All heavy atoms as atom14 arrays in JSON, in Angstrom:
{
  "sequence": "LKKTTNFAGATGKITIDTQGNRPNVPVKVLRVNSLGTFVVI",
  "atom14_mask": [
    [1, 1, 1, 1, 1, 1, 1, 1, 0, 0, 0, 0, 0, 0],
    [1, 1, 1, 1, 1, 1, 1, 1, 1, 0, 0, 0, 0, 0],
    [1, 1, 1, 1, 1, 1, 1, 1, 1, 0, 0, 0, 0, 0],
    [1, 1, 1, 1, 1, 1, 1, 0, 0, 0, 0, 0, 0, 0],
    [1, 1, 1, 1, 1, 1, 1, 0, 0, 0, 0, 0, 0, 0],
    [1, 1, 1, 1, 1, 1, 1, 1, 0, 0, 0, 0, 0, 0],
    [1, 1, 1, 1, 1, 1, 1, 1, 1, 1, 1, 0, 0, 0],
    [1, 1, 1, 1, 1, 0, 0, 0, 0, 0, 0, 0, 0, 0],
    [1, 1, 1, 1, 0, 0, 0, 0, 0, 0, 0, 0, 0, 0],
    [1, 1, 1, 1, 1, 0, 0, 0, 0, 0, 0, 0, 0, 0],
    [1, 1, 1, 1, 1, 1, 1, 0, 0, 0, 0, 0, 0, 0],
    [1, 1, 1, 1, 0, 0, 0, 0, 0, 0, 0, 0, 0, 0],
    [1, 1, 1, 1, 1, 1, 1, 1, 1, 0, 0, 0, 0, 0],
    [1, 1, 1, 1, 1, 1, 1, 1, 0, 0, 0, 0, 0, 0],
    [1, 1, 1, 1, 1, 1, 1, 0, 0, 0, 0, 0, 0, 0],
    [1, 1, 1, 1, 1, 1, 1, 1, 0, 0, 0, 0, 0, 0],
    [1, 1, 1, 1, 1, 1, 1, 1, 0, 0, 0, 0, 0, 0],
    [1, 1, 1, 1, 1, 1, 1, 0, 0, 0, 0, 0, 0, 0],
    [1, 1, 1, 1, 1, 1, 1, 1, 1, 0, 0, 0, 0, 0],
    [1, 1, 1, 1, 0, 0, 0, 0, 0, 0, 0, 0, 0, 0],
    [1, 1, 1, 1, 1, 1, 1, 1, 0, 0, 0, 0, 0, 0],
    [1, 1, 1, 1, 1, 1, 1, 1, 1, 1, 1, 0, 0, 0],
    [1, 1, 1, 1, 1, 1, 1, 0, 0, 0, 0, 0, 0, 0],
    [1, 1, 1, 1, 1, 1, 1, 1, 0, 0, 0, 0, 0, 0],
    [1, 1, 1, 1, 1, 1, 1, 0, 0, 0, 0, 0, 0, 0],
    [1, 1, 1, 1, 1, 1, 1, 0, 0, 0, 0, 0, 0, 0],
    [1, 1, 1, 1, 1, 1, 1, 0, 0, 0, 0, 0, 0, 0],
    [1, 1, 1, 1, 1, 1, 1, 1, 1, 0, 0, 0, 0, 0],
    [1, 1, 1, 1, 1, 1, 1, 0, 0, 0, 0, 0, 0, 0],
    [1, 1, 1, 1, 1, 1, 1, 1, 0, 0, 0, 0, 0, 0],
    [1, 1, 1, 1, 1, 1, 1, 1, 1, 1, 1, 0, 0, 0],
    [1, 1, 1, 1, 1, 1, 1, 0, 0, 0, 0, 0, 0, 0],
    [1, 1, 1, 1, 1, 1, 1, 1, 0, 0, 0, 0, 0, 0],
    [1, 1, 1, 1, 1, 1, 0, 0, 0, 0, 0, 0, 0, 0],
    [1, 1, 1, 1, 1, 1, 1, 1, 0, 0, 0, 0, 0, 0],
    [1, 1, 1, 1, 0, 0, 0, 0, 0, 0, 0, 0, 0, 0],
    [1, 1, 1, 1, 1, 1, 1, 0, 0, 0, 0, 0, 0, 0],
    [1, 1, 1, 1, 1, 1, 1, 1, 1, 1, 1, 0, 0, 0],
    [1, 1, 1, 1, 1, 1, 1, 0, 0, 0, 0, 0, 0, 0],
    [1, 1, 1, 1, 1, 1, 1, 0, 0, 0, 0, 0, 0, 0],
    [1, 1, 1, 1, 1, 1, 1, 1, 0, 0, 0, 0, 0, 0]
  ],
  "atom14_positions": [
    [[0.79, -1.27, -0.02], [0.01, 0.03, 0.0], [0.97, 1.18, -0.06], [0.53, 2.18, -0.77], [-0.99, 0.04, 1.19], [-2.16, -0.75, 1.14], [-2.81, -1.14, 2.51], [-3.21, -0.34, 0.1], [0.0, 0.0, 0.0], [0.0, 0.0, 0.0], [0.0, 0.0, 0.0], [0.0, 0.0, 0.0], [0.0, 0.0, 0.0], [0.0, 0.0, 0.0]],
    [[1.97, 1.23, 0.75], [2.78, 2.35, 0.85], [3.84, 2.52, -0.31], [4.37, 3.51, -0.36], [3.68, 2.33, 2.17], [2.86, 2.46, 3.39], [3.67, 2.44, 4.68], [2.8, 2.78, 5.89], [3.55, 2.68, 7.12], [0.0, 0.0, 0.0], [0.0, 0.0, 0.0], [0.0, 0.0, 0.0], [0.0, 0.0, 0.0], [0.0, 0.0, 0.0]],
    [[3.62, 1.61, -1.24], [4.38, 1.73, -2.66], [3.42, 2.17, -3.62], [3.88, 2.3, -4.85], [4.96, 0.41, -2.98], [6.06, -0.02, -2.1], [6.63, -1.42, -2.43], [7.74, -1.87, -1.52], [8.31, -3.24, -1.96], [0.0, 0.0, 0.0], [0.0, 0.0, 0.0], [0.0, 0.0, 0.0], [0.0, 0.0, 0.0], [0.0, 0.0, 0.0]],
    [[2.17, 2.51, -3.33], [1.18, 2.92, -4.34], [1.67, 4.09, -5.05], [1.92, 5.12, -4.34], [-0.25, 3.08, -3.71], [-0.7, 1.87, -3.0], [-1.33, 3.47, -4.81], [0.0, 0.0, 0.0], [0.0, 0.0, 0.0], [0.0, 0.0, 0.0], [0.0, 0.0, 0.0], [0.0, 0.0, 0.0], [0.0, 0.0, 0.0], [0.0, 0.0, 0.0]],
    [[1.78, 4.07, -6.24], [2.13, 5.29, -7.05], [1.33, 5.6, -8.37], [1.21, 4.46, -9.15], [3.69, 5.02, -7.46], [4.55, 4.86, -6.35], [4.26, 6.38, -8.25], [0.0, 0.0, 0.0], [0.0, 0.0, 0.0], [0.0, 0.0, 0.0], [0.0, 0.0, 0.0], [0.0, 0.0, 0.0], [0.0, 0.0, 0.0], [0.0, 0.0, 0.0]],
    [[0.82, 6.79, -8.44], [0.04, 7.07, -9.57], [-1.15, 6.08, -9.89], [-1.38, 5.74, -11.14], [0.85, 7.26, -10.8], [1.73, 8.53, -10.61], [1.24, 9.5, -10.04], [2.92, 8.61, -11.13], [0.0, 0.0, 0.0], [0.0, 0.0, 0.0], [0.0, 0.0, 0.0], [0.0, 0.0, 0.0], [0.0, 0.0, 0.0], [0.0, 0.0, 0.0]],
    [[-1.68, 5.5, -8.92], [-2.77, 4.6, -9.14], [-3.91, 5.33, -9.78], [-4.38, 6.4, -9.29], [-3.18, 3.91, -7.73], [-4.35, 2.92, -7.87], [-4.06, 1.56, -8.09], [-5.64, 3.35, -7.77], [-5.12, 0.83, -8.17], [-6.7, 2.5, -7.9], [-6.47, 1.14, -8.09], [0.0, 0.0, 0.0], [0.0, 0.0, 0.0], [0.0, 0.0, 0.0]],
    [[-4.59, 4.76, -10.85], [-5.66, 5.48, -11.47], [-6.97, 5.27, -10.63], [-7.71, 4.45, -10.91], [-5.82, 4.97, -12.88], [0.0, 0.0, 0.0], [0.0, 0.0, 0.0], [0.0, 0.0, 0.0], [0.0, 0.0, 0.0], [0.0, 0.0, 0.0], [0.0, 0.0, 0.0], [0.0, 0.0, 0.0], [0.0, 0.0, 0.0], [0.0, 0.0, 0.0]],
    [[-7.2, 6.33, -9.73], [-8.43, 6.23, -8.95], [-9.57, 7.11, -9.62], [-9.37, 7.94, -10.3], [0.0, 0.0, 0.0], [0.0, 0.0, 0.0], [0.0, 0.0, 0.0], [0.0, 0.0, 0.0], [0.0, 0.0, 0.0], [0.0, 0.0, 0.0], [0.0, 0.0, 0.0], [0.0, 0.0, 0.0], [0.0, 0.0, 0.0], [0.0, 0.0, 0.0]],
    [[-10.75, 7.03, -9.03], [-11.89, 7.74, -9.35], [-11.59, 9.26, -8.87], [-12.04, 10.11, -9.55], [-13.27, 7.25, -8.69], [0.0, 0.0, 0.0], [0.0, 0.0, 0.0], [0.0, 0.0, 0.0], [0.0, 0.0, 0.0], [0.0, 0.0, 0.0], [0.0, 0.0, 0.0], [0.0, 0.0, 0.0], [0.0, 0.0, 0.0], [0.0, 0.0, 0.0]],
    [[-10.9, 9.39, -7.78], [-10.42, 10.66, -7.32], [-9.12, 11.22, -8.01], [-8.64, 12.18, -7.36], [-10.34, 10.69, -5.79], [-9.46, 9.72, -5.37], [-11.72, 10.46, -5.12], [0.0, 0.0, 0.0], [0.0, 0.0, 0.0], [0.0, 0.0, 0.0], [0.0, 0.0, 0.0], [0.0, 0.0, 0.0], [0.0, 0.0, 0.0], [0.0, 0.0, 0.0]],
    [[-8.7, 10.65, -9.03], [-7.46, 11.02, -9.62], [-6.36, 10.08, -9.35], [-6.54, 8.94, -8.68], [0.0, 0.0, 0.0], [0.0, 0.0, 0.0], [0.0, 0.0, 0.0], [0.0, 0.0, 0.0], [0.0, 0.0, 0.0], [0.0, 0.0, 0.0], [0.0, 0.0, 0.0], [0.0, 0.0, 0.0], [0.0, 0.0, 0.0], [0.0, 0.0, 0.0]],
    [[-5.21, 10.52, -9.68], [-4.01, 9.7, -9.5], [-3.73, 9.58, -7.99], [-3.71, 10.59, -7.31], [-2.83, 10.2, -10.21], [-2.93, 10.3, -11.65], [-2.76, 8.8, -12.33], [-2.88, 8.87, -13.74], [-2.64, 7.53, -14.44], [0.0, 0.0, 0.0], [0.0, 0.0, 0.0], [0.0, 0.0, 0.0], [0.0, 0.0, 0.0], [0.0, 0.0, 0.0]],
    [[-3.43, 8.4, -7.47], [-3.18, 8.28, -6.09], [-1.75, 7.83, -5.83], [-1.4, 6.67, -6.42], [-4.19, 7.22, -5.44], [-5.56, 7.78, -5.7], [-3.91, 6.98, -3.88], [-6.72, 6.76, -5.24], [0.0, 0.0, 0.0], [0.0, 0.0, 0.0], [0.0, 0.0, 0.0], [0.0, 0.0, 0.0], [0.0, 0.0, 0.0], [0.0, 0.0, 0.0]],
    [[-1.05, 8.48, -5.14], [0.28, 8.04, -4.52], [0.2, 7.98, -3.06], [-0.39, 8.89, -2.28], [1.38, 8.96, -5.07], [1.47, 8.85, -6.45], [2.62, 8.61, -4.34], [0.0, 0.0, 0.0], [0.0, 0.0, 0.0], [0.0, 0.0, 0.0], [0.0, 0.0, 0.0], [0.0, 0.0, 0.0], [0.0, 0.0, 0.0], [0.0, 0.0, 0.0]],
    [[0.77, 6.95, -2.37], [0.78, 6.88, -0.89], [2.22, 6.99, -0.47], [3.25, 6.29, -1.06], [0.22, 5.55, -0.39], [-1.25, 5.38, -0.89], [0.21, 5.49, 1.1], [-2.19, 6.36, -0.38], [0.0, 0.0, 0.0], [0.0, 0.0, 0.0], [0.0, 0.0, 0.0], [0.0, 0.0, 0.0], [0.0, 0.0, 0.0], [0.0, 0.0, 0.0]],
    [[2.57, 7.92, 0.47], [3.94, 7.91, 0.93], [4.22, 7.04, 2.01], [3.4, 6.24, 2.48], [4.32, 9.44, 1.32], [3.4, 9.95, 2.51], [2.93, 9.18, 3.39], [3.24, 11.14, 2.68], [0.0, 0.0, 0.0], [0.0, 0.0, 0.0], [0.0, 0.0, 0.0], [0.0, 0.0, 0.0], [0.0, 0.0, 0.0], [0.0, 0.0, 0.0]],
    [[5.51, 7.12, 2.53], [5.94, 6.07, 3.38], [5.18, 6.26, 4.74], [5.34, 5.34, 5.54], [7.55, 6.3, 3.68], [7.74, 7.54, 4.16], [8.37, 5.99, 2.35], [0.0, 0.0, 0.0], [0.0, 0.0, 0.0], [0.0, 0.0, 0.0], [0.0, 0.0, 0.0], [0.0, 0.0, 0.0], [0.0, 0.0, 0.0], [0.0, 0.0, 0.0]],
    [[4.62, 7.4, 5.08], [3.83, 7.51, 6.3], [2.46, 6.98, 6.13], [1.63, 6.95, 7.11], [3.88, 8.98, 6.71], [5.11, 9.51, 7.1], [5.04, 10.93, 7.59], [4.57, 11.84, 6.9], [5.41, 11.12, 8.9], [0.0, 0.0, 0.0], [0.0, 0.0, 0.0], [0.0, 0.0, 0.0], [0.0, 0.0, 0.0], [0.0, 0.0, 0.0]],
    [[2.02, 6.63, 5.01], [0.76, 6.18, 4.65], [-0.22, 7.28, 4.29], [-1.52, 6.97, 4.11], [0.0, 0.0, 0.0], [0.0, 0.0, 0.0], [0.0, 0.0, 0.0], [0.0, 0.0, 0.0], [0.0, 0.0, 0.0], [0.0, 0.0, 0.0], [0.0, 0.0, 0.0], [0.0, 0.0, 0.0], [0.0, 0.0, 0.0], [0.0, 0.0, 0.0]],
    [[0.22, 8.48, 3.96], [-0.64, 9.55, 3.55], [-0.57, 9.73, 1.98], [0.37, 9.29, 1.41], [-0.32, 10.88, 4.33], [-0.7, 10.8, 5.74], [-1.44, 10.09, 6.14], [0.13, 11.57, 6.51], [0.0, 0.0, 0.0], [0.0, 0.0, 0.0], [0.0, 0.0, 0.0], [0.0, 0.0, 0.0], [0.0, 0.0, 0.0], [0.0, 0.0, 0.0]],
    [[-1.52, 10.48, 1.51], [-1.57, 10.8, 0.01], [-1.1, 12.19, -0.17], [-1.73, 13.13, 0.16], [-2.99, 10.76, -0.37], [-3.28, 10.98, -1.88], [-4.67, 10.77, -2.24], [-5.02, 11.13, -3.63], [-6.15, 10.92, -4.11], [-7.26, 10.69, -3.5], [-6.38, 11.22, -5.51], [0.0, 0.0, 0.0], [0.0, 0.0, 0.0], [0.0, 0.0, 0.0]],
    [[0.07, 12.41, -0.66], [0.54, 13.79, -0.91], [-0.12, 14.64, -2.02], [-0.14, 15.82, -1.8], [2.04, 13.64, -1.34], [2.08, 12.19, -1.81], [1.01, 11.45, -1.12], [0.0, 0.0, 0.0], [0.0, 0.0, 0.0], [0.0, 0.0, 0.0], [0.0, 0.0, 0.0], [0.0, 0.0, 0.0], [0.0, 0.0, 0.0], [0.0, 0.0, 0.0]],
    [[-0.87, 14.01, -2.86], [-1.52, 14.62, -3.99], [-3.03, 14.73, -3.76], [-3.8, 14.26, -4.63], [-1.18, 13.99, -5.37], [-1.56, 12.62, -5.37], [-1.56, 11.88, -4.36], [-1.71, 12.1, -6.48], [0.0, 0.0, 0.0], [0.0, 0.0, 0.0], [0.0, 0.0, 0.0], [0.0, 0.0, 0.0], [0.0, 0.0, 0.0], [0.0, 0.0, 0.0]],
    [[-3.47, 15.36, -2.65], [-4.9, 15.31, -2.37], [-5.61, 16.39, -3.16], [-5.09, 17.39, -3.44], [-5.04, 15.54, -0.83], [-4.66, 14.43, -0.06], [-4.32, 16.82, -0.41], [0.0, 0.0, 0.0], [0.0, 0.0, 0.0], [0.0, 0.0, 0.0], [0.0, 0.0, 0.0], [0.0, 0.0, 0.0], [0.0, 0.0, 0.0], [0.0, 0.0, 0.0]],
    [[-6.85, 16.12, -3.49], [-7.59, 17.0, -4.42], [-8.43, 18.04, -3.51], [-9.68, 18.14, -3.62], [-8.59, 16.08, -5.14], [-8.9, 14.93, -4.21], [-7.56, 14.81, -3.36], [0.0, 0.0, 0.0], [0.0, 0.0, 0.0], [0.0, 0.0, 0.0], [0.0, 0.0, 0.0], [0.0, 0.0, 0.0], [0.0, 0.0, 0.0], [0.0, 0.0, 0.0]],
    [[-7.75, 18.76, -2.61], [-8.5, 19.78, -1.7], [-8.77, 21.03, -2.54], [-7.94, 21.77, -3.07], [-7.81, 20.09, -0.49], [-8.61, 21.01, 0.46], [-7.68, 18.77, 0.19], [0.0, 0.0, 0.0], [0.0, 0.0, 0.0], [0.0, 0.0, 0.0], [0.0, 0.0, 0.0], [0.0, 0.0, 0.0], [0.0, 0.0, 0.0], [0.0, 0.0, 0.0]],
    [[-10.13, 21.61, -2.52], [-10.44, 22.79, -3.24], [-11.29, 23.71, -2.29], [-11.59, 23.24, -1.17], [-11.29, 22.4, -4.51], [-10.39, 21.53, -5.47], [-9.34, 22.14, -6.12], [-8.63, 21.1, -7.17], [-7.42, 21.68, -7.74], [0.0, 0.0, 0.0], [0.0, 0.0, 0.0], [0.0, 0.0, 0.0], [0.0, 0.0, 0.0], [0.0, 0.0, 0.0]],
    [[-11.67, 24.8, -2.82], [-12.58, 25.75, -2.16], [-13.83, 25.68, -3.12], [-13.79, 25.79, -4.26], [-12.23, 27.14, -2.06], [-13.31, 28.07, -1.45], [-10.96, 27.21, -1.1], [0.0, 0.0, 0.0], [0.0, 0.0, 0.0], [0.0, 0.0, 0.0], [0.0, 0.0, 0.0], [0.0, 0.0, 0.0], [0.0, 0.0, 0.0], [0.0, 0.0, 0.0]],
    [[-14.98, 25.46, -2.54], [-16.29, 25.26, -3.14], [-17.29, 26.26, -2.86], [-17.29, 26.84, -1.73], [-16.79, 23.84, -2.9], [-15.81, 22.61, -2.78], [-16.51, 21.37, -2.21], [-15.3, 22.39, -4.23], [0.0, 0.0, 0.0], [0.0, 0.0, 0.0], [0.0, 0.0, 0.0], [0.0, 0.0, 0.0], [0.0, 0.0, 0.0], [0.0, 0.0, 0.0]],
    [[-18.39, 26.32, -3.66], [-19.48, 26.99, -3.34], [-20.8, 26.15, -3.74], [-20.54, 25.18, -4.47], [-19.6, 28.39, -4.0], [-19.74, 28.26, -5.54], [-19.85, 29.63, -6.25], [-19.93, 29.56, -7.71], [-20.89, 29.18, -8.3], [-22.19, 28.91, -7.88], [-20.82, 29.24, -9.71], [0.0, 0.0, 0.0], [0.0, 0.0, 0.0], [0.0, 0.0, 0.0]],
    [[-21.97, 26.61, -3.38], [-23.11, 25.77, -3.87], [-23.83, 26.69, -4.99], [-24.06, 27.81, -4.89], [-24.1, 25.65, -2.59], [-25.46, 25.17, -3.09], [-23.52, 24.88, -1.62], [0.0, 0.0, 0.0], [0.0, 0.0, 0.0], [0.0, 0.0, 0.0], [0.0, 0.0, 0.0], [0.0, 0.0, 0.0], [0.0, 0.0, 0.0], [0.0, 0.0, 0.0]],
    [[-24.06, 25.86, -6.01], [-24.69, 26.73, -7.23], [-26.23, 26.54, -7.07], [-26.72, 26.15, -6.14], [-24.27, 26.08, -8.56], [-24.57, 24.63, -8.94], [-25.57, 24.22, -8.13], [-24.02, 23.97, -9.8], [0.0, 0.0, 0.0], [0.0, 0.0, 0.0], [0.0, 0.0, 0.0], [0.0, 0.0, 0.0], [0.0, 0.0, 0.0], [0.0, 0.0, 0.0]],
    [[-26.89, 27.28, -8.1], [-28.25, 27.41, -8.09], [-29.06, 26.09, -8.23], [-30.22, 26.07, -7.89], [-28.73, 28.37, -9.22], [-28.38, 27.82, -10.48], [0.0, 0.0, 0.0], [0.0, 0.0, 0.0], [0.0, 0.0, 0.0], [0.0, 0.0, 0.0], [0.0, 0.0, 0.0], [0.0, 0.0, 0.0], [0.0, 0.0, 0.0], [0.0, 0.0, 0.0]],
    [[-28.35, 25.01, -8.54], [-29.08, 23.79, -8.68], [-28.84, 22.9, -7.34], [-29.26, 21.79, -7.41], [-28.32, 22.86, -9.86], [-28.51, 23.44, -11.24], [-27.77, 22.84, -12.31], [-30.04, 23.65, -11.64], [0.0, 0.0, 0.0], [0.0, 0.0, 0.0], [0.0, 0.0, 0.0], [0.0, 0.0, 0.0], [0.0, 0.0, 0.0], [0.0, 0.0, 0.0]],
    [[-28.1, 23.51, -6.37], [-27.91, 22.84, -5.13], [-26.79, 21.85, -5.22], [-26.74, 20.83, -4.63], [0.0, 0.0, 0.0], [0.0, 0.0, 0.0], [0.0, 0.0, 0.0], [0.0, 0.0, 0.0], [0.0, 0.0, 0.0], [0.0, 0.0, 0.0], [0.0, 0.0, 0.0], [0.0, 0.0, 0.0], [0.0, 0.0, 0.0], [0.0, 0.0, 0.0]],
    [[-25.75, 22.16, -5.96], [-24.63, 21.18, -6.16], [-23.25, 22.03, -5.72], [-23.15, 23.16, -5.99], [-24.32, 20.81, -7.63], [-25.53, 20.14, -7.95], [-23.19, 19.88, -7.76], [0.0, 0.0, 0.0], [0.0, 0.0, 0.0], [0.0, 0.0, 0.0], [0.0, 0.0, 0.0], [0.0, 0.0, 0.0], [0.0, 0.0, 0.0], [0.0, 0.0, 0.0]],
    [[-22.42, 21.38, -5.01], [-21.16, 21.93, -4.66], [-20.21, 21.96, -5.97], [-20.15, 20.96, -6.67], [-20.35, 21.1, -3.62], [-20.89, 21.15, -2.23], [-21.69, 20.14, -1.74], [-20.79, 22.37, -1.45], [-22.32, 20.15, -0.5], [-21.2, 22.26, -0.26], [-22.02, 21.25, 0.3], [0.0, 0.0, 0.0], [0.0, 0.0, 0.0], [0.0, 0.0, 0.0]],
    [[-19.69, 23.11, -6.19], [-18.84, 23.26, -7.41], [-17.51, 24.12, -6.96], [-17.56, 24.79, -6.09], [-19.53, 24.23, -8.51], [-20.7, 23.41, -9.05], [-19.96, 25.6, -8.01], [0.0, 0.0, 0.0], [0.0, 0.0, 0.0], [0.0, 0.0, 0.0], [0.0, 0.0, 0.0], [0.0, 0.0, 0.0], [0.0, 0.0, 0.0], [0.0, 0.0, 0.0]],
    [[-16.45, 23.69, -7.62], [-15.12, 24.25, -7.34], [-15.01, 25.69, -7.82], [-15.49, 26.1, -8.99], [-14.04, 23.41, -7.99], [-12.73, 24.08, -7.8], [-14.11, 22.0, -7.51], [0.0, 0.0, 0.0], [0.0, 0.0, 0.0], [0.0, 0.0, 0.0], [0.0, 0.0, 0.0], [0.0, 0.0, 0.0], [0.0, 0.0, 0.0], [0.0, 0.0, 0.0]],
    [[-14.56, 26.56, -6.88], [-14.23, 28.02, -7.39], [-12.82, 28.37, -7.17], [-12.36, 29.35, -7.77], [-15.11, 29.01, -6.5], [-14.8, 28.9, -4.95], [-16.57, 28.79, -6.72], [-15.49, 29.89, -4.14], [0.0, 0.0, 0.0], [0.0, 0.0, 0.0], [0.0, 0.0, 0.0], [0.0, 0.0, 0.0], [0.0, 0.0, 0.0], [0.0, 0.0, 0.0]]
  ]
}
């Protein structure tokens, strides 16, 4: 698991570092649009 590198996931490419964390996390700032959906801003 800690050797996982560029795994093609639904949330994008996944790499796991030696501590067990994902350095390339997809964190964004969002708002709610008029349809009631979170969208990236």
